[in-house]
């Protein structure tokens, strides 16, 4: 192996390591039902588990995936939410900030 090839190899190895570290640090954590913000907003991972007596305006058809605050792509199981900062919510979840997404 020539010195030039070694430099290229080492440079690529360092870049790959940095990329892997970056991807690991960007992995979003999921909101837990017990998180302070989640409790305050009545968030549940499953819209069917929402306390209907406490949240009378809740409907079973409302879930994070069809909310205007959901930042995931169609079909994603988890996605970002404007209400929870960097944490992800379940597409099947619900909280009292739910607002119908345009076109859904």
C-alpha atoms as a PDB file:
ATOM      1  CA  UNK A   1       0.000   0.000   0.000  1.00  0.00           C
ATOM      2  CA  UNK A   2       1.473   3.374  -0.928  1.00  0.00           C
ATOM      3  CA  UNK A   3       1.556   6.281   1.490  1.00  0.00           C
ATOM      4  CA  UNK A   4      -1.136   8.105  -0.491  1.00  0.00           C
ATOM      5  CA  UNK A   5      -3.470   5.126  -0.210  1.00  0.00           C
ATOM      6  CA  UNK A   6      -2.829   4.909   3.532  1.00  0.00           C
ATOM      7  CA  UNK A   7      -3.721   8.568   3.933  1.00  0.00           C
ATOM      8  CA  UNK A   8      -6.947   8.078   2.003  1.00  0.00           C
ATOM      9  CA  UNK A   9      -7.803   4.968   4.027  1.00  0.00           C
ATOM     10  CA  UNK A  10      -7.120   6.652   7.366  1.00  0.00           C
ATOM     11  CA  UNK A  11      -9.041   9.754   6.316  1.00  0.00           C
ATOM     12  CA  UNK A  12     -12.059   7.683   5.326  1.00  0.00           C
ATOM     13  CA  UNK A  13     -11.866   5.619   8.523  1.00  0.00           C
ATOM     14  CA  UNK A  14     -11.838   8.786  10.649  1.00  0.00           C
ATOM     15  CA  UNK A  15     -14.747  10.245   8.671  1.00  0.00           C
ATOM     16  CA  UNK A  16     -16.754   7.025   9.019  1.00  0.00           C
ATOM     17  CA  UNK A  17     -16.129   6.949  12.765  1.00  0.00           C
ATOM     18  CA  UNK A  18     -17.240  10.554  13.123  1.00  0.00           C
ATOM     19  CA  UNK A  19     -20.370   9.850  11.090  1.00  0.00           C
ATOM     20  CA  UNK A  20     -21.295   6.842  13.229  1.00  0.00           C
ATOM     21  CA  UNK A  21     -20.806   8.873  16.411  1.00  0.00           C
ATOM     22  CA  UNK A  22     -22.940  11.653  15.009  1.00  0.00           C
ATOM     23  CA  UNK A  23     -25.746   9.261  14.065  1.00  0.00           C
ATOM     24  CA  UNK A  24     -25.718   7.709  17.530  1.00  0.00           C
ATOM     25  CA  UNK A  25     -25.948  11.114  19.220  1.00  0.00           C
ATOM     26  CA  UNK A  26     -28.838  12.173  16.963  1.00  0.00           C
ATOM     27  CA  UNK A  27     -31.008   9.190  17.858  1.00  0.00           C
ATOM     28  CA  UNK A  28     -34.047  10.755  19.491  1.00  0.00           C
ATOM     29  CA  UNK A  29     -35.427   9.386  22.692  1.00  0.00           C
ATOM     30  CA  UNK A  30     -39.069   8.523  23.004  1.00  0.00           C
ATOM     31  CA  UNK A  31     -41.456  10.392  25.236  1.00  0.00           C
ATOM     32  CA  UNK A  32     -42.580   8.267  28.163  1.00  0.00           C
ATOM     33  CA  UNK A  33     -46.141   8.479  29.489  1.00  0.00           C
ATOM     34  CA  UNK A  34     -44.611   9.347  32.870  1.00  0.00           C
ATOM     35  CA  UNK A  35     -42.465  12.311  31.669  1.00  0.00           C
ATOM     36  CA  UNK A  36     -43.478  15.594  33.308  1.00  0.00           C
ATOM     37  CA  UNK A  37     -44.474  17.217  29.995  1.00  0.00           C
ATOM     38  CA  UNK A  38     -46.370  14.090  28.921  1.00  0.00           C
ATOM     39  CA  UNK A  39     -48.363  14.011  32.159  1.00  0.00           C
ATOM     40  CA  UNK A  40     -49.159  17.721  31.836  1.00  0.00           C
ATOM     41  CA  UNK A  41     -50.506  17.179  28.306  1.00  0.00           C
ATOM     42  CA  UNK A  42     -52.242  13.877  29.059  1.00  0.00           C
ATOM     43  CA  UNK A  43     -50.025  12.059  26.519  1.00  0.00           C
ATOM     44  CA  UNK A  44     -50.498   8.315  26.000  1.00  0.00           C
ATOM     45  CA  UNK A  45     -48.616   6.089  23.536  1.00  0.00           C
ATOM     46  CA  UNK A  46     -51.970   4.598  22.503  1.00  0.00           C
ATOM     47  CA  UNK A  47     -54.942   6.859  21.777  1.00  0.00           C
ATOM     48  CA  UNK A  48     -57.259   4.069  22.996  1.00  0.00           C
ATOM     49  CA  UNK A  49     -55.817   4.385  26.528  1.00  0.00           C
ATOM     50  CA  UNK A  50     -56.767   8.057  26.971  1.00  0.00           C
ATOM     51  CA  UNK A  51     -58.992   8.756  29.990  1.00  0.00           C
ATOM     52  CA  UNK A  52     -62.283   9.620  28.277  1.00  0.00           C
ATOM     53  CA  UNK A  53     -63.767  11.096  31.456  1.00  0.00           C
ATOM     54  CA  UNK A  54     -60.844  13.499  31.881  1.00  0.00           C
ATOM     55  CA  UNK A  55     -60.542  14.371  28.173  1.00  0.00           C
ATOM     56  CA  UNK A  56     -64.130  14.484  26.967  1.00  0.00           C
ATOM     57  CA  UNK A  57     -63.232  16.063  23.605  1.00  0.00           C
ATOM     58  CA  UNK A  58     -60.911  13.154  22.719  1.00  0.00           C
ATOM     59  CA  UNK A  59     -62.044  10.926  19.856  1.00  0.00           C
ATOM     60  CA  UNK A  60     -60.569   7.539  18.918  1.00  0.00           C
ATOM     61  CA  UNK A  61     -59.787   8.835  15.411  1.00  0.00           C
ATOM     62  CA  UNK A  62     -57.379  11.407  16.862  1.00  0.00           C
ATOM     63  CA  UNK A  63     -53.760  10.257  17.053  1.00  0.00           C
ATOM     64  CA  UNK A  64     -50.317  11.800  16.702  1.00  0.00           C
ATOM     65  CA  UNK A  65     -49.879  10.716  13.080  1.00  0.00           C
ATOM     66  CA  UNK A  66     -52.801  12.927  11.990  1.00  0.00           C
ATOM     67  CA  UNK A  67     -51.881  15.872  14.241  1.00  0.00           C
ATOM     68  CA  UNK A  68     -50.439  19.091  12.843  1.00  0.00           C
ATOM     69  CA  UNK A  69     -47.603  18.974  15.420  1.00  0.00           C
ATOM     70  CA  UNK A  70     -46.365  15.511  14.332  1.00  0.00           C
ATOM     71  CA  UNK A  71     -43.078  15.766  12.442  1.00  0.00           C
ATOM     72  CA  UNK A  72     -42.700  12.164  11.294  1.00  0.00           C
ATOM     73  CA  UNK A  73     -43.288  10.937   7.775  1.00  0.00           C
ATOM     74  CA  UNK A  74     -46.409   9.030   6.782  1.00  0.00           C
ATOM     75  CA  UNK A  75     -46.016   5.452   7.993  1.00  0.00           C
ATOM     76  CA  UNK A  76     -43.421   6.234  10.700  1.00  0.00           C
ATOM     77  CA  UNK A  77     -44.098   4.501  14.025  1.00  0.00           C
ATOM     78  CA  UNK A  78     -42.422   7.362  15.918  1.00  0.00           C
ATOM     79  CA  UNK A  79     -41.810  10.970  14.989  1.00  0.00           C
ATOM     80  CA  UNK A  80     -40.883  14.326  16.395  1.00  0.00           C
ATOM     81  CA  UNK A  81     -43.483  16.559  17.958  1.00  0.00           C
ATOM     82  CA  UNK A  82     -43.397  20.313  18.440  1.00  0.00           C
ATOM     83  CA  UNK A  83     -44.873  19.851  21.928  1.00  0.00           C
ATOM     84  CA  UNK A  84     -42.055  17.593  23.151  1.00  0.00           C
ATOM     85  CA  UNK A  85     -38.908  19.223  21.801  1.00  0.00           C
ATOM     86  CA  UNK A  86     -36.319  16.642  20.739  1.00  0.00           C
ATOM     87  CA  UNK A  87     -38.277  13.617  21.939  1.00  0.00           C
ATOM     88  CA  UNK A  88     -40.375  11.442  19.651  1.00  0.00           C
ATOM     89  CA  UNK A  89     -43.993  10.443  20.150  1.00  0.00           C
ATOM     90  CA  UNK A  90     -45.773   7.310  18.976  1.00  0.00           C
ATOM     91  CA  UNK A  91     -47.801   7.746  15.792  1.00  0.00           C
ATOM     92  CA  UNK A  92     -50.642   5.961  17.609  1.00  0.00           C
ATOM     93  CA  UNK A  93     -50.378   8.298  20.609  1.00  0.00           C
ATOM     94  CA  UNK A  94     -52.426  11.306  21.676  1.00  0.00           C
ATOM     95  CA  UNK A  95     -52.198  14.377  23.893  1.00  0.00           C
ATOM     96  CA  UNK A  96     -54.549  17.264  24.595  1.00  0.00           C
ATOM     97  CA  UNK A  97     -52.601  19.561  22.233  1.00  0.00           C
ATOM     98  CA  UNK A  98     -53.830  17.446  19.296  1.00  0.00           C
ATOM     99  CA  UNK A  99     -54.873  19.581  16.321  1.00  0.00           C
ATOM    100  CA  UNK A 100     -56.036  18.112  13.035  1.00  0.00           C
ATOM    101  CA  UNK A 101     -53.327  18.241  10.381  1.00  0.00           C
ATOM    102  CA  UNK A 102     -54.318  19.903   7.123  1.00  0.00           C
ATOM    103  CA  UNK A 103     -55.477  17.366   4.582  1.00  0.00           C
ATOM    104  CA  UNK A 104     -56.056  14.554   7.051  1.00  0.00           C
END
